[in-house]
Amino acid sequence: MPISWTYNQKRVSSKKGCSITMSTIRYFTLLMFISGMFTNMLHAQVSVVSFTVTGKVSTPENVGIADVVVSDGYYVTTTNNDGRYTLQSTSLAKHIFISVPADCDIPHEGNIPRFYKSIKGTTADIVVNFTLTKKGKDQALVFIVMADPQAQIPADMKRFTTEPIPDIEKLKSSYPGDVAFIGMTAGDLLWDAPKMYPDYVKAFDQLSFPFYQVIGNHDYDEKIKGNDYESSHYFESYFGPTYYSFNRGDCHFIALDNIIYNTRPDYKEEIAREQLDWLQQDLKYVDKSKLVIISMHSPVYRMDGKKILNNTAELVKILNGYTVLIISGHTHRMNKAVVAKDIVDYTLSPTMGNSWAGDFNIDGCPNGYGVFEIKGNQLVSQYYKSTGKPKDYQMKVYPVGSVSELSKSVVAHVWNYSENWKVEVYEEGIYKGKMKKATGFDPDAYNYFLGEQKPSRKPKLEPVKTSNLFYFTPTDNKSEVKVVVTDSFGNKYIEYINRLSD
């Protein structure tokens, strides 16, 4: 159901200054502070003009919907019992947007959510109305997250359109019909290729559910330097705000922009102050019993345990008391990190692999996307779905001799491994215990990127080592070896080498 808009431009008379109250003085003092803050941020003089946004959130039958959260990215309010709201805004605001309630359909066009209206440049009072269709609250939910599709040339876009997108829809069809699906791309939608946005948007027409978008460092306009505020304009013209929230089931979803952009190679992994202030306001309307799911481009930690997000402490403080999943990309390596009590960060391997040069990343992790299964306010399962592979394809087991440093061992690469998983082995049906962990090259990646036939897309790519290898030395190279991986949710995945017939 599309959003309907009504505008009512009003001239603001300077004569109103004749009856200034103390509250007005406080309000304009605050605006002057904000203006100064943005002057520093934008490296340019900003003239801030205040105005009032009013409107109504209602059903197609014009029945008002109460308690809908409405924001301009700086201030947050809610609708009253009649579905009406009033919001004091300024010319710094780019959008008016709503946090779609859990019991309403997500308005969208071509599966791109349309929960916002651009108001950039507005200096007079304005009326913005939203129309939402009521629905039942989802009880079971699957959240699909892609990271770093990063199409750069038409051949990349063709692969994106014909591989992961239809694979996602095929996965959806394997679930019961009463399981709701929602999706999000965790940044770097393209690789500095804004002319390809129309093709990127069109690709989502193949899906049967809405797919939200998050901005990444490659989604800024590299021709605009030193101006984070303006350089996000391409993303905003197609997808709206760079940070926002919505609700599904018993979950509150939040998209954050944690890239402060200066130039193509010069940016900070940091959440801007005004965005943290918005987040704090947004969460005031979220009960602590809800599962909070945040998607942002940069993770909090790298695989080596080094912190990458500059103001993690401030984010953690705001999220205190909530159970939080953070889902990110950016580093091009799979990782799971505990950020704080009840806050876990899942970093996904790139959907593109590495520059769409093959079917896996340079560390051997297949091209794919993250799948998060949710019931109520609980994450009940999570797995990495390799494009074109069955969903239980969670490792690859290589025979003896595949890894030179472990030449006498069977080697398993478990790409989504985290510390609370078990990787066990059986030889000829006899339990041999846990496999030993090692760091090394994935054999497929090593042979592909260093072999005689280099990838034509990026022939200079070289493989990198992964720490998610596990090895076992059998007593006989011809023995049947069974590897059993148990993830943190109790799911078991089994692969064989030299499997005997059943």
Protein backbone atom coordinates (compact mmCIF):
# COMPACT_ATOMS: atom_id res chain seq x y z
CA MET A 1 0.00 0.00 0.00
CA PRO A 2 1.63 3.30 -1.03
CA ILE A 3 1.95 6.27 1.30
CA SER A 4 -0.29 9.25 0.61
CA TRP A 5 0.99 12.78 1.09
CA THR A 6 -0.68 16.14 1.63
CA TYR A 7 1.20 19.42 1.61
CA ASN A 8 0.16 22.72 3.14
CA GLN A 9 2.86 25.34 2.74
CA LYS A 10 2.43 28.33 5.06
CA ARG A 11 4.43 31.52 5.17
CA VAL A 12 5.99 32.17 8.57
CA SER A 13 5.68 35.85 9.41
CA SER A 14 8.56 37.59 11.11
CA LYS A 15 5.95 39.48 13.18
CA LYS A 16 5.60 36.39 15.33
CA GLY A 17 8.77 37.54 17.02
CA CYS A 18 6.76 40.21 18.80
CA SER A 19 5.34 37.65 21.22
CA ILE A 20 8.39 35.56 22.05
CA THR A 21 8.01 33.33 25.13
CA MET A 22 10.68 31.71 27.30
CA SER A 23 9.99 28.34 25.63
CA THR A 24 10.55 29.97 22.25
CA ILE A 25 13.86 31.39 23.45
CA ARG A 26 14.96 27.95 24.70
CA TYR A 27 13.91 26.39 21.40
CA PHE A 28 15.90 28.83 19.27
CA THR A 29 18.89 28.54 21.60
CA LEU A 30 18.83 24.82 20.91
CA LEU A 31 18.61 25.49 17.19
CA MET A 32 21.63 27.76 17.35
CA PHE A 33 23.57 25.00 19.08
CA ILE A 34 22.58 22.52 16.42
CA SER A 35 23.43 25.00 13.71
CA GLY A 36 26.92 25.43 15.14
CA MET A 37 27.37 21.70 15.39
CA PHE A 38 26.41 21.17 11.76
CA THR A 39 28.57 24.06 10.60
CA ASN A 40 31.58 22.19 11.93
CA MET A 41 30.42 18.92 10.45
CA LEU A 42 29.63 20.23 6.99
CA HIS A 43 32.61 22.54 6.67
CA ALA A 44 30.14 25.16 5.45
CA GLN A 45 27.79 27.76 6.88
CA VAL A 46 24.35 26.31 7.60
CA SER A 47 21.30 28.53 8.02
CA VAL A 48 18.75 26.70 10.15
CA VAL A 49 15.06 27.51 9.71
CA SER A 50 12.40 26.02 11.99
CA PHE A 51 8.94 24.90 10.91
CA THR A 52 6.14 22.61 12.04
CA VAL A 53 5.23 19.25 10.50
CA THR A 54 1.72 17.98 11.12
CA GLY A 55 -0.12 15.03 9.68
CA LYS A 56 -2.10 11.89 10.19
CA VAL A 57 -1.31 8.18 10.04
CA SER A 58 -4.43 6.26 9.05
CA THR A 59 -5.84 3.20 7.35
CA PRO A 60 -7.13 3.34 3.75
CA GLU A 61 -10.55 3.95 5.32
CA ASN A 62 -9.11 7.08 7.01
CA VAL A 63 -9.25 5.56 10.49
CA GLY A 64 -6.43 7.06 12.54
CA ILE A 65 -3.73 4.78 13.94
CA ALA A 66 -2.51 5.68 17.42
CA ASP A 67 1.00 5.44 18.87
CA VAL A 68 2.88 5.38 15.56
CA VAL A 69 6.39 6.78 15.98
CA VAL A 70 7.16 9.65 13.59
CA SER A 71 10.54 11.35 13.17
CA ASP A 72 12.56 13.77 11.07
CA GLY A 73 15.85 12.13 12.08
CA TYR A 74 16.39 14.62 14.92
CA TYR A 75 13.11 14.75 16.82
CA VAL A 76 10.71 11.92 17.55
CA THR A 77 7.01 11.98 18.41
CA THR A 78 3.99 9.68 18.24
CA THR A 79 0.47 9.90 16.87
CA ASN A 80 -2.45 10.54 19.22
CA ASN A 81 -5.65 8.50 19.48
CA ASP A 82 -6.88 10.03 16.22
CA GLY A 83 -3.64 9.16 14.41
CA ARG A 84 -2.52 12.79 14.28
CA TYR A 85 0.92 14.14 15.13
CA THR A 86 2.81 17.42 15.39
CA LEU A 87 6.58 17.64 15.07
CA GLN A 88 8.85 20.65 15.38
CA SER A 89 11.49 20.30 12.66
CA THR A 90 14.25 22.32 11.01
CA SER A 91 15.72 22.75 7.56
CA LEU A 92 18.48 20.32 8.54
CA ALA A 93 15.95 17.49 8.26
CA LYS A 94 15.87 15.54 5.01
CA HIS A 95 12.89 13.23 5.61
CA ILE A 96 9.80 12.65 7.66
CA PHE A 97 9.52 8.92 8.35
CA ILE A 98 7.53 6.50 10.43
CA SER A 99 8.55 3.42 12.38
CA VAL A 100 6.05 1.02 10.81
CA PRO A 101 4.14 -0.79 13.60
CA ALA A 102 4.29 -4.58 13.87
CA ASP A 103 0.58 -4.89 13.07
CA CYS A 104 0.79 -2.97 9.78
CA ASP A 105 2.03 -3.96 6.35
CA ILE A 106 5.25 -2.31 5.24
CA PRO A 107 4.41 0.15 2.43
CA HIS A 108 6.68 -0.51 -0.53
CA GLU A 109 7.25 -0.06 -4.25
CA GLY A 110 8.99 -2.91 -6.07
CA ASN A 111 9.85 -4.36 -2.63
CA ILE A 112 11.75 -1.21 -1.64
CA PRO A 113 10.08 0.11 1.55
CA ARG A 114 8.50 3.58 1.28
CA PHE A 115 8.04 4.67 4.88
CA TYR A 116 9.26 8.23 4.39
CA LYS A 117 8.83 11.51 2.53
CA SER A 118 11.68 13.74 1.44
CA ILE A 119 11.41 17.25 2.90
CA LYS A 120 14.94 18.48 2.20
CA GLY A 121 14.88 22.20 1.53
CA THR A 122 11.59 22.77 3.34
CA THR A 123 11.46 26.02 5.29
CA ALA A 124 7.71 26.46 5.91
CA ASP A 125 5.08 24.47 7.79
CA ILE A 126 4.15 21.26 6.03
CA VAL A 127 1.55 18.49 6.31
CA VAL A 128 2.61 14.88 5.68
CA ASN A 129 0.09 12.04 5.91
CA PHE A 130 0.78 8.31 5.87
CA THR A 131 -1.56 5.48 4.93
CA LEU A 132 -0.93 2.02 6.42
CA THR A 133 -2.83 -1.24 6.10
CA LYS A 134 -3.49 -3.15 9.31
CA LYS A 135 -2.49 -6.82 9.62
CA GLY A 136 -1.93 -9.48 12.24
CA LYS A 137 1.36 -9.49 14.14
CA ASP A 138 3.90 -12.00 12.83
CA GLN A 139 4.59 -14.93 15.14
CA ALA A 140 7.42 -16.53 13.14
CA LEU A 141 9.85 -14.41 11.16
CA VAL A 142 12.87 -14.98 8.92
CA PHE A 143 15.25 -12.04 8.54
CA ILE A 144 17.48 -12.18 5.46
CA VAL A 145 20.59 -9.98 5.41
CA MET A 146 22.96 -9.49 2.49
CA ALA A 147 26.30 -7.76 3.02
CA ASP A 148 28.38 -6.02 0.37
CA PRO A 149 26.78 -6.95 -2.97
CA GLN A 150 29.04 -4.23 -4.43
CA ALA A 151 28.21 -4.51 -8.12
CA GLN A 152 30.62 -2.31 -10.05
CA ILE A 153 30.11 -3.27 -13.71
CA PRO A 154 27.12 -4.70 -15.66
CA ALA A 155 28.49 -8.24 -15.38
CA ASP A 156 28.43 -7.92 -11.58
CA MET A 157 24.86 -6.66 -11.64
CA LYS A 158 23.83 -9.58 -13.84
CA ARG A 159 25.23 -12.02 -11.30
CA PHE A 160 23.53 -10.18 -8.44
CA THR A 161 20.22 -10.26 -10.30
CA THR A 162 20.41 -13.91 -11.36
CA GLU A 163 22.12 -15.55 -8.37
CA PRO A 164 21.46 -14.33 -4.79
CA ILE A 165 18.10 -12.63 -5.44
CA PRO A 166 16.33 -15.68 -6.93
CA ASP A 167 18.13 -17.89 -4.38
CA ILE A 168 16.54 -15.86 -1.58
CA GLU A 169 13.08 -16.24 -3.08
CA LYS A 170 13.65 -19.99 -3.52
CA LEU A 171 14.66 -20.22 0.15
CA LYS A 172 11.48 -18.42 1.15
CA SER A 173 9.39 -20.96 -0.75
CA SER A 174 10.94 -23.75 1.35
CA TYR A 175 9.39 -22.34 4.54
CA PRO A 176 5.76 -22.72 5.65
CA GLY A 177 3.42 -20.05 4.31
CA ASP A 178 2.73 -18.54 7.73
CA VAL A 179 6.41 -17.61 8.23
CA ALA A 180 6.94 -13.93 7.46
CA PHE A 181 10.05 -12.74 5.61
CA ILE A 182 11.81 -9.39 5.77
CA GLY A 183 15.16 -8.43 4.28
CA MET A 184 17.94 -5.87 4.58
CA THR A 185 21.21 -5.17 2.77
CA ALA A 186 23.91 -4.15 5.26
CA GLY A 187 25.65 -1.56 3.12
CA ASP A 188 27.90 -1.27 0.07
CA LEU A 189 24.98 -1.94 -2.24
CA LEU A 190 27.19 -0.90 -5.16
CA TRP A 191 30.88 -0.16 -5.62
CA ASP A 192 30.89 3.59 -6.30
CA ALA A 193 28.57 3.05 -9.27
CA PRO A 194 25.48 5.26 -8.75
CA LYS A 195 24.33 4.81 -12.36
CA MET A 196 23.50 1.21 -11.48
CA TYR A 197 21.00 2.03 -8.73
CA PRO A 198 17.97 1.62 -11.07
CA ASP A 199 19.12 -1.92 -11.94
CA TYR A 200 19.79 -2.67 -8.28
CA VAL A 201 16.29 -1.53 -7.32
CA LYS A 202 14.71 -3.51 -10.15
CA ALA A 203 16.42 -6.72 -9.01
CA PHE A 204 14.21 -6.78 -5.91
CA ASP A 205 11.09 -7.08 -8.07
CA GLN A 206 11.83 -10.82 -8.10
CA LEU A 207 11.14 -11.08 -4.38
CA SER A 208 7.77 -11.42 -2.67
CA PHE A 209 8.64 -9.37 0.43
CA PRO A 210 10.13 -5.94 1.25
CA PHE A 211 13.89 -5.49 1.47
CA TYR A 212 15.33 -2.55 3.44
CA GLN A 213 18.70 -0.94 2.66
CA VAL A 214 21.61 0.37 4.77
CA ILE A 215 24.23 2.82 3.54
CA GLY A 216 27.89 1.76 3.30
CA ASN A 217 31.09 3.60 2.48
CA HIS A 218 30.81 2.73 -1.25
CA ASP A 219 27.29 4.18 -1.41
CA TYR A 220 28.37 7.81 -0.97
CA ASP A 221 29.02 10.17 -3.86
CA GLU A 222 32.81 10.11 -4.16
CA LYS A 223 32.72 13.38 -6.12
CA ILE A 224 31.54 15.24 -3.00
CA LYS A 225 34.41 15.56 -0.57
CA GLY A 226 34.39 16.65 3.06
CA ASN A 227 30.61 16.74 3.34
CA ASP A 228 28.99 13.67 4.86
CA TYR A 229 25.62 15.45 4.96
CA GLU A 230 25.44 15.94 1.17
CA SER A 231 27.43 12.95 -0.11
CA SER A 232 24.70 10.46 0.83
CA HIS A 233 22.28 11.99 -1.70
CA TYR A 234 22.30 9.07 -4.18
CA PHE A 235 21.33 6.57 -1.50
CA GLU A 236 18.65 8.89 -0.13
CA SER A 237 17.10 9.52 -3.54
CA TYR A 238 16.41 5.80 -3.95
CA PHE A 239 15.96 4.53 -0.38
CA GLY A 240 15.23 7.48 1.90
CA PRO A 241 16.76 8.03 5.36
CA THR A 242 20.16 6.57 6.15
CA TYR A 243 18.90 5.66 9.64
CA TYR A 244 15.42 4.61 10.69
CA SER A 245 13.45 1.90 12.50
CA PHE A 246 10.47 -0.43 12.03
CA ASN A 247 8.71 -3.24 13.89
CA ARG A 248 7.92 -6.86 13.03
CA GLY A 249 6.55 -9.45 15.45
CA ASP A 250 8.09 -8.84 18.87
CA CYS A 251 11.21 -7.25 17.35
CA HIS A 252 12.28 -3.66 16.85
CA PHE A 253 14.53 -3.27 13.80
CA ILE A 254 16.95 -0.36 13.47
CA ALA A 255 19.13 0.68 10.54
CA LEU A 256 22.12 2.83 11.45
CA ASP A 257 24.56 4.81 9.33
CA ASN A 258 27.95 4.28 10.98
CA ILE A 259 30.11 5.74 8.24
CA ILE A 260 31.15 9.40 8.50
CA TYR A 261 32.33 10.09 4.97
CA ASN A 262 35.05 12.52 3.99
CA THR A 263 36.56 11.09 0.80
CA ARG A 264 36.63 7.71 -0.92
CA PRO A 265 39.63 6.43 1.10
CA ASP A 266 39.03 8.67 4.11
CA TYR A 267 36.05 7.93 6.36
CA LYS A 268 35.37 7.07 9.97
CA GLU A 269 33.51 4.04 11.29
CA GLU A 270 31.47 6.08 13.73
CA ILE A 271 27.85 6.92 14.54
CA ALA A 272 27.26 10.67 14.39
CA ARG A 273 26.07 12.48 17.51
CA GLU A 274 22.68 13.50 16.11
CA GLN A 275 22.03 9.88 15.17
CA LEU A 276 22.81 8.61 18.66
CA ASP A 277 20.43 11.25 20.03
CA TRP A 278 17.74 10.03 17.60
CA LEU A 279 18.35 6.42 18.64
CA GLN A 280 17.92 7.28 22.29
CA GLN A 281 14.59 8.95 21.54
CA ASP A 282 13.43 6.09 19.30
CA LEU A 283 14.12 3.49 21.99
CA LYS A 284 11.95 5.37 24.51
CA TYR A 285 8.98 3.90 22.64
CA VAL A 286 10.36 0.33 22.65
CA ASP A 287 9.61 -2.00 25.52
CA LYS A 288 12.64 -3.75 27.04
CA SER A 289 11.01 -7.10 26.31
CA LYS A 290 11.43 -6.57 22.55
CA LEU A 291 14.36 -8.07 20.67
CA VAL A 292 16.29 -5.18 19.11
CA ILE A 293 17.94 -5.97 15.78
CA ILE A 294 20.38 -3.41 14.41
CA SER A 295 21.82 -3.50 10.92
CA MET A 296 24.74 -1.23 10.11
CA HIS A 297 27.56 -1.44 7.62
CA SER A 298 30.65 -1.55 9.82
CA PRO A 299 30.81 -4.10 12.63
CA VAL A 300 31.90 -3.28 16.14
CA TYR A 301 34.87 -5.68 16.08
CA ARG A 302 37.15 -7.19 13.47
CA MET A 303 38.01 -10.89 13.41
CA ASP A 304 41.27 -10.19 15.26
CA GLY A 305 39.28 -8.74 18.16
CA LYS A 306 40.24 -5.14 17.46
CA LYS A 307 37.48 -2.60 17.87
CA ILE A 308 36.54 -0.84 14.64
CA LEU A 309 33.55 1.33 15.67
CA ASN A 310 34.92 4.47 17.30
CA ASN A 311 32.06 5.24 19.70
CA THR A 312 31.05 1.74 20.75
CA ALA A 313 30.81 2.74 24.41
CA GLU A 314 28.14 5.37 23.68
CA LEU A 315 26.14 2.91 21.60
CA VAL A 316 26.32 0.25 24.32
CA LYS A 317 25.17 2.75 26.93
CA ILE A 318 22.08 3.65 24.90
CA LEU A 319 21.27 -0.04 24.33
CA ASN A 320 21.62 -0.96 28.00
CA GLY A 321 18.76 -3.17 29.18
CA TYR A 322 17.83 -4.48 25.72
CA THR A 323 18.69 -7.79 24.11
CA VAL A 324 20.38 -6.78 20.86
CA LEU A 325 21.56 -8.44 17.67
CA ILE A 326 23.86 -6.35 15.47
CA ILE A 327 24.27 -7.52 11.87
CA SER A 328 26.96 -5.98 9.70
CA GLY A 329 29.38 -6.45 6.80
CA HIS A 330 32.23 -4.19 5.60
CA THR A 331 35.25 -6.28 6.69
CA HIS A 332 34.52 -9.06 4.16
CA ARG A 333 35.11 -11.72 6.83
CA MET A 334 32.63 -13.83 8.77
CA ASN A 335 32.72 -13.14 12.49
CA LYS A 336 30.64 -13.26 15.66
CA ALA A 337 31.57 -11.04 18.60
CA VAL A 338 30.07 -10.40 22.01
CA VAL A 339 29.96 -6.60 22.31
CA ALA A 340 28.50 -6.41 25.80
CA LYS A 341 26.01 -8.22 27.97
CA ASP A 342 23.05 -9.17 25.75
CA ILE A 343 24.63 -7.53 22.66
CA VAL A 344 26.02 -9.81 19.93
CA ASP A 345 27.47 -8.66 16.60
CA TYR A 346 27.23 -10.95 13.55
CA THR A 347 29.49 -9.91 10.67
CA LEU A 348 28.63 -11.51 7.33
CA SER A 349 30.85 -12.57 4.46
CA PRO A 350 30.18 -10.63 1.23
CA THR A 351 27.31 -11.64 -1.01
CA MET A 352 29.67 -10.87 -3.91
CA GLY A 353 32.44 -13.16 -2.61
CA ASN A 354 35.27 -10.94 -3.74
CA SER A 355 34.32 -8.55 -6.54
CA TRP A 356 32.17 -11.25 -8.18
CA ALA A 357 35.41 -12.91 -9.33
CA GLY A 358 34.20 -16.39 -8.46
CA ASP A 359 31.80 -18.33 -6.26
CA PHE A 360 33.60 -17.76 -2.98
CA ASN A 361 35.57 -15.13 -1.11
CA ILE A 362 39.37 -15.14 -1.00
CA ASP A 363 39.19 -16.93 2.39
CA GLY A 364 37.08 -19.70 0.86
CA CYS A 365 33.71 -18.69 2.31
CA PRO A 366 31.04 -19.12 -0.38
CA ASN A 367 29.07 -16.19 -1.79
CA GLY A 368 25.87 -15.92 0.21
CA TYR A 369 23.84 -14.17 2.87
CA GLY A 370 22.77 -14.44 6.50
CA VAL A 371 19.52 -16.05 7.65
CA PHE A 372 18.08 -15.29 11.11
CA GLU A 373 15.05 -17.26 12.29
CA ILE A 374 12.98 -15.56 14.98
CA LYS A 375 10.00 -16.61 17.05
CA GLY A 376 8.45 -13.93 19.24
CA ASN A 377 11.36 -12.04 20.76
CA GLN A 378 13.87 -14.89 20.46
CA LEU A 379 16.50 -15.72 17.87
CA VAL A 380 15.95 -19.46 17.52
CA SER A 381 18.39 -20.23 14.70
CA GLN A 382 20.97 -18.55 12.49
CA TYR A 383 22.86 -19.83 9.49
CA TYR A 384 24.80 -18.63 6.49
CA LYS A 385 23.09 -19.55 3.22
CA SER A 386 25.56 -20.20 0.39
CA THR A 387 24.13 -19.06 -2.94
CA GLY A 388 23.02 -22.02 -5.03
CA LYS A 389 23.63 -24.55 -2.23
CA PRO A 390 21.19 -26.27 0.16
CA LYS A 391 20.74 -24.50 3.48
CA ASP A 392 22.47 -27.32 5.40
CA TYR A 393 25.68 -26.69 3.42
CA GLN A 394 27.62 -25.21 6.32
CA MET A 395 31.11 -26.60 5.71
CA LYS A 396 33.32 -28.28 3.16
CA VAL A 397 35.46 -31.27 4.06
CA TYR A 398 38.68 -31.86 2.10
CA PRO A 399 40.47 -35.23 1.82
CA VAL A 400 43.96 -36.02 3.08
CA GLY A 401 46.61 -34.08 1.16
CA SER A 402 44.45 -31.07 0.28
CA VAL A 403 46.24 -28.68 2.66
CA SER A 404 50.04 -28.78 2.41
CA GLU A 405 50.64 -27.75 6.04
CA LEU A 406 48.27 -30.54 7.16
CA SER A 407 49.17 -33.04 4.48
CA LYS A 408 48.25 -36.14 6.51
CA SER A 409 44.89 -34.82 7.70
CA VAL A 410 41.30 -34.48 6.63
CA VAL A 411 40.45 -30.77 6.80
CA ALA A 412 37.02 -29.17 7.34
CA HIS A 413 36.36 -25.51 6.63
CA VAL A 414 33.44 -24.36 8.81
CA TRP A 415 32.93 -20.79 7.61
CA ASN A 416 30.24 -19.68 10.09
CA TYR A 417 32.01 -21.17 13.11
CA SER A 418 31.98 -19.42 16.48
CA GLU A 419 33.43 -20.43 19.84
CA ASN A 420 30.36 -22.18 21.21
CA TRP A 421 30.12 -24.57 18.25
CA LYS A 422 31.34 -28.19 18.34
CA VAL A 423 33.29 -29.79 15.48
CA GLU A 424 33.54 -33.55 16.04
CA VAL A 425 34.83 -36.45 13.96
CA TYR A 426 34.18 -40.17 13.49
CA GLU A 427 36.45 -42.67 11.72
CA GLU A 428 34.80 -45.86 10.47
CA GLY A 429 31.83 -45.01 12.69
CA ILE A 430 33.94 -44.70 15.85
CA TYR A 431 33.87 -41.38 17.70
CA LYS A 432 37.34 -39.75 17.76
CA GLY A 433 36.53 -36.55 19.63
CA LYS A 434 36.80 -32.92 18.63
CA MET A 435 38.75 -31.87 15.57
CA LYS A 436 41.73 -29.57 16.14
CA LYS A 437 41.45 -25.96 15.01
CA ALA A 438 43.97 -24.43 12.62
CA THR A 439 44.63 -21.39 10.48
CA GLY A 440 45.43 -21.89 6.82
CA PHE A 441 44.30 -21.53 3.23
CA ASP A 442 41.03 -22.96 2.05
CA PRO A 443 42.10 -25.37 -0.73
CA ASP A 444 39.46 -24.21 -3.21
CA ALA A 445 40.34 -20.55 -2.73
CA TYR A 446 44.06 -21.26 -2.91
CA ASN A 447 43.81 -23.23 -6.13
CA TYR A 448 41.39 -20.79 -7.75
CA PHE A 449 43.15 -17.53 -6.99
CA LEU A 450 46.71 -18.85 -7.44
CA GLY A 451 46.08 -21.54 -10.02
CA GLU A 452 46.95 -21.44 -13.70
CA GLN A 453 43.52 -20.12 -14.68
CA LYS A 454 43.23 -16.90 -12.73
CA PRO A 455 39.76 -15.31 -12.38
CA SER A 456 39.17 -13.07 -15.39
CA ARG A 457 37.21 -10.55 -13.27
CA LYS A 458 40.10 -9.84 -10.88
CA PRO A 459 43.20 -11.80 -11.97
CA LYS A 460 45.45 -10.21 -9.31
CA LEU A 461 43.40 -11.44 -6.36
CA GLU A 462 45.24 -13.68 -3.93
CA PRO A 463 43.84 -16.01 -1.26
CA VAL A 464 44.01 -15.24 2.44
CA LYS A 465 44.12 -17.61 5.38
CA THR A 466 41.10 -18.47 7.47
CA SER A 467 41.09 -19.41 11.15
CA ASN A 468 38.05 -21.66 10.70
CA LEU A 469 39.85 -24.81 9.55
CA PHE A 470 39.62 -28.05 11.55
CA TYR A 471 41.74 -31.16 10.98
CA PHE A 472 41.91 -34.85 11.89
CA THR A 473 44.56 -37.41 10.96
CA PRO A 474 42.93 -40.78 10.19
CA THR A 475 44.68 -44.10 10.73
CA ASP A 476 43.98 -44.97 7.09
CA ASN A 477 43.59 -42.47 4.27
CA LYS A 478 40.81 -44.63 2.84
CA SER A 479 38.78 -44.70 6.04
CA GLU A 480 35.29 -43.27 6.13
CA VAL A 481 35.52 -39.97 8.00
CA LYS A 482 32.37 -38.24 9.24
CA VAL A 483 32.49 -34.65 10.44
CA VAL A 484 29.62 -33.48 12.68
CA VAL A 485 29.23 -29.77 13.37
CA THR A 486 26.79 -28.61 16.06
CA ASP A 487 26.03 -24.90 16.13
CA SER A 488 24.99 -22.79 19.13
CA PHE A 489 21.29 -23.47 18.43
CA GLY A 490 21.71 -27.26 18.44
CA ASN A 491 21.53 -27.65 14.67
CA LYS A 492 23.73 -30.50 13.38
CA TYR A 493 25.47 -30.54 10.02
CA ILE A 494 27.19 -33.66 8.69
CA GLU A 495 29.70 -34.21 5.88
CA TYR A 496 31.69 -37.31 4.86
CA ILE A 497 34.94 -38.26 3.18
CA ASN A 498 35.13 -41.77 1.68
CA ARG A 499 31.56 -42.43 2.75
CA LEU A 500 30.58 -46.07 2.81
CA SER A 501 27.32 -46.99 1.11
CA ASP A 502 24.32 -47.09 3.46
